[in-house]
């Protein structure tokens, strides 16, 4: 069924959010998608806590996700992120195995 790699970032300074949005949209997400070799990727801002940003990457297998930490590509992306955002943005990562899918279309 596949696997997901998710990054949760908390942008602590509201004034930094537009800059973070532009950087992630134009630079980081396209670079990470290509570097990881993910099937696809998407991003979202939390409606519960507007400082929280999620980036989600879809893979064919959990083994692909498990190979990310410590890889040269991940190290480079983390270094780029840290250079751009330092301690202004706190991150957490998670790896998930998809165990069920439902639906497939949107209701009409």
C-alpha atoms as a PDB file:
ATOM      1  CA  UNK A   1       0.000   0.000   0.000  1.00  0.00           C
ATOM      2  CA  UNK A   2       2.865   2.356   0.555  1.00  0.00           C
ATOM      3  CA  UNK A   3       4.501   4.508   3.158  1.00  0.00           C
ATOM      4  CA  UNK A   4       4.556   8.116   4.268  1.00  0.00           C
ATOM      5  CA  UNK A   5       7.340  10.341   5.556  1.00  0.00           C
ATOM      6  CA  UNK A   6       6.010  13.408   7.349  1.00  0.00           C
ATOM      7  CA  UNK A   7       7.754  16.489   8.675  1.00  0.00           C
ATOM      8  CA  UNK A   8       6.004  18.711  11.213  1.00  0.00           C
ATOM      9  CA  UNK A   9       7.491  22.185  11.517  1.00  0.00           C
ATOM     10  CA  UNK A  10       6.505  24.885  13.973  1.00  0.00           C
ATOM     11  CA  UNK A  11       7.158  28.420  12.739  1.00  0.00           C
ATOM     12  CA  UNK A  12       7.373  30.250  16.058  1.00  0.00           C
ATOM     13  CA  UNK A  13       7.443  33.805  14.689  1.00  0.00           C
ATOM     14  CA  UNK A  14       4.230  34.795  12.852  1.00  0.00           C
ATOM     15  CA  UNK A  15       6.189  37.395  10.865  1.00  0.00           C
ATOM     16  CA  UNK A  16       8.440  34.621   9.478  1.00  0.00           C
ATOM     17  CA  UNK A  17       5.526  32.610   8.076  1.00  0.00           C
ATOM     18  CA  UNK A  18       5.353  34.319   4.623  1.00  0.00           C
ATOM     19  CA  UNK A  19       9.108  33.876   4.103  1.00  0.00           C
ATOM     20  CA  UNK A  20       8.917  30.240   5.260  1.00  0.00           C
ATOM     21  CA  UNK A  21       5.940  29.625   2.949  1.00  0.00           C
ATOM     22  CA  UNK A  22       7.787  31.000  -0.085  1.00  0.00           C
ATOM     23  CA  UNK A  23      11.041  29.163   0.708  1.00  0.00           C
ATOM     24  CA  UNK A  24       9.311  25.831   1.319  1.00  0.00           C
ATOM     25  CA  UNK A  25       7.068  26.156  -1.750  1.00  0.00           C
ATOM     26  CA  UNK A  26       9.709  27.346  -4.211  1.00  0.00           C
ATOM     27  CA  UNK A  27      12.868  25.679  -2.940  1.00  0.00           C
ATOM     28  CA  UNK A  28      12.601  23.043  -0.251  1.00  0.00           C
ATOM     29  CA  UNK A  29       9.630  20.910  -1.281  1.00  0.00           C
ATOM     30  CA  UNK A  30      10.718  20.546  -4.942  1.00  0.00           C
ATOM     31  CA  UNK A  31      14.284  19.755  -3.825  1.00  0.00           C
ATOM     32  CA  UNK A  32      13.154  17.245  -1.177  1.00  0.00           C
ATOM     33  CA  UNK A  33      10.746  15.519  -3.573  1.00  0.00           C
ATOM     34  CA  UNK A  34      13.520  15.035  -6.118  1.00  0.00           C
ATOM     35  CA  UNK A  35      16.194  14.114  -3.550  1.00  0.00           C
ATOM     36  CA  UNK A  36      14.010  11.570  -1.769  1.00  0.00           C
ATOM     37  CA  UNK A  37      12.665  10.048  -4.978  1.00  0.00           C
ATOM     38  CA  UNK A  38       9.187  10.153  -3.448  1.00  0.00           C
ATOM     39  CA  UNK A  39       6.127   9.274  -5.495  1.00  0.00           C
ATOM     40  CA  UNK A  40       4.563  12.642  -4.633  1.00  0.00           C
ATOM     41  CA  UNK A  41       4.553  15.286  -1.911  1.00  0.00           C
ATOM     42  CA  UNK A  42       2.176  17.835  -0.463  1.00  0.00           C
ATOM     43  CA  UNK A  43       2.115  20.479   2.267  1.00  0.00           C
ATOM     44  CA  UNK A  44      -0.475  21.858   4.661  1.00  0.00           C
ATOM     45  CA  UNK A  45      -0.845  24.462   7.393  1.00  0.00           C
ATOM     46  CA  UNK A  46      -2.773  23.426  10.492  1.00  0.00           C
ATOM     47  CA  UNK A  47      -6.166  25.050  11.024  1.00  0.00           C
ATOM     48  CA  UNK A  48      -5.927  24.209  14.735  1.00  0.00           C
ATOM     49  CA  UNK A  49      -2.519  25.853  15.254  1.00  0.00           C
ATOM     50  CA  UNK A  50      -1.588  28.239  12.410  1.00  0.00           C
ATOM     51  CA  UNK A  51       2.107  28.056  13.327  1.00  0.00           C
ATOM     52  CA  UNK A  52       2.248  24.347  12.402  1.00  0.00           C
ATOM     53  CA  UNK A  53       3.231  23.266   8.896  1.00  0.00           C
ATOM     54  CA  UNK A  54       3.216  19.689   7.584  1.00  0.00           C
ATOM     55  CA  UNK A  55       5.102  18.278   4.615  1.00  0.00           C
ATOM     56  CA  UNK A  56       4.115  14.790   3.495  1.00  0.00           C
ATOM     57  CA  UNK A  57       6.043  12.532   1.116  1.00  0.00           C
ATOM     58  CA  UNK A  58       4.564   9.341  -0.344  1.00  0.00           C
ATOM     59  CA  UNK A  59       6.690   6.265  -1.083  1.00  0.00           C
ATOM     60  CA  UNK A  60       6.096   2.766  -2.414  1.00  0.00           C
ATOM     61  CA  UNK A  61       7.650   1.012   0.597  1.00  0.00           C
ATOM     62  CA  UNK A  62       8.494   1.678   4.242  1.00  0.00           C
ATOM     63  CA  UNK A  63      12.054   0.543   3.470  1.00  0.00           C
ATOM     64  CA  UNK A  64      12.468   3.625   1.272  1.00  0.00           C
ATOM     65  CA  UNK A  65      11.358   5.826   4.177  1.00  0.00           C
ATOM     66  CA  UNK A  66      13.604   4.004   6.654  1.00  0.00           C
ATOM     67  CA  UNK A  67      16.580   4.635   4.360  1.00  0.00           C
ATOM     68  CA  UNK A  68      16.137   8.432   4.527  1.00  0.00           C
ATOM     69  CA  UNK A  69      17.702   9.195   7.941  1.00  0.00           C
ATOM     70  CA  UNK A  70      21.457   9.278   7.598  1.00  0.00           C
ATOM     71  CA  UNK A  71      21.372   9.366   3.797  1.00  0.00           C
ATOM     72  CA  UNK A  72      23.508  11.952   2.003  1.00  0.00           C
ATOM     73  CA  UNK A  73      20.391  13.585   0.563  1.00  0.00           C
ATOM     74  CA  UNK A  74      18.724  13.895   3.971  1.00  0.00           C
ATOM     75  CA  UNK A  75      21.900  15.296   5.528  1.00  0.00           C
ATOM     76  CA  UNK A  76      22.112  17.954   2.804  1.00  0.00           C
ATOM     77  CA  UNK A  77      18.426  18.884   3.143  1.00  0.00           C
ATOM     78  CA  UNK A  78      18.684  19.137   6.945  1.00  0.00           C
ATOM     79  CA  UNK A  79      21.795  21.316   6.623  1.00  0.00           C
ATOM     80  CA  UNK A  80      20.012  23.575   4.110  1.00  0.00           C
ATOM     81  CA  UNK A  81      16.986  23.830   6.408  1.00  0.00           C
ATOM     82  CA  UNK A  82      19.155  24.612   9.423  1.00  0.00           C
ATOM     83  CA  UNK A  83      21.074  27.284   7.482  1.00  0.00           C
ATOM     84  CA  UNK A  84      17.832  28.940   6.402  1.00  0.00           C
ATOM     85  CA  UNK A  85      15.875  28.614   9.657  1.00  0.00           C
ATOM     86  CA  UNK A  86      18.187  27.662  12.514  1.00  0.00           C
ATOM     87  CA  UNK A  87      16.304  27.551  15.806  1.00  0.00           C
ATOM     88  CA  UNK A  88      13.447  29.707  14.475  1.00  0.00           C
ATOM     89  CA  UNK A  89      11.626  26.566  13.271  1.00  0.00           C
ATOM     90  CA  UNK A  90      11.309  23.405  15.363  1.00  0.00           C
ATOM     91  CA  UNK A  91      10.834  20.140  13.428  1.00  0.00           C
ATOM     92  CA  UNK A  92       9.746  16.589  14.090  1.00  0.00           C
ATOM     93  CA  UNK A  93       9.717  13.707  11.619  1.00  0.00           C
ATOM     94  CA  UNK A  94       7.659  10.526  11.408  1.00  0.00           C
ATOM     95  CA  UNK A  95       7.638   7.411   9.224  1.00  0.00           C
ATOM     96  CA  UNK A  96       4.353   5.600   8.662  1.00  0.00           C
ATOM     97  CA  UNK A  97       3.230   2.451   6.893  1.00  0.00           C
ATOM     98  CA  UNK A  98      -0.096   2.860   5.122  1.00  0.00           C
ATOM     99  CA  UNK A  99      -2.377   0.094   6.384  1.00  0.00           C
ATOM    100  CA  UNK A 100      -5.656   1.079   4.767  1.00  0.00           C
ATOM    101  CA  UNK A 101      -6.977   3.279   2.011  1.00  0.00           C
ATOM    102  CA  UNK A 102     -10.621   4.134   1.522  1.00  0.00           C
ATOM    103  CA  UNK A 103     -12.469   6.026  -1.142  1.00  0.00           C
ATOM    104  CA  UNK A 104     -10.688   7.206  -4.190  1.00  0.00           C
ATOM    105  CA  UNK A 105     -12.829   9.954  -5.466  1.00  0.00           C
ATOM    106  CA  UNK A 106     -14.553  12.994  -4.201  1.00  0.00           C
ATOM    107  CA  UNK A 107     -18.293  12.997  -3.615  1.00  0.00           C
ATOM    108  CA  UNK A 108     -20.269  14.702  -6.324  1.00  0.00           C
END
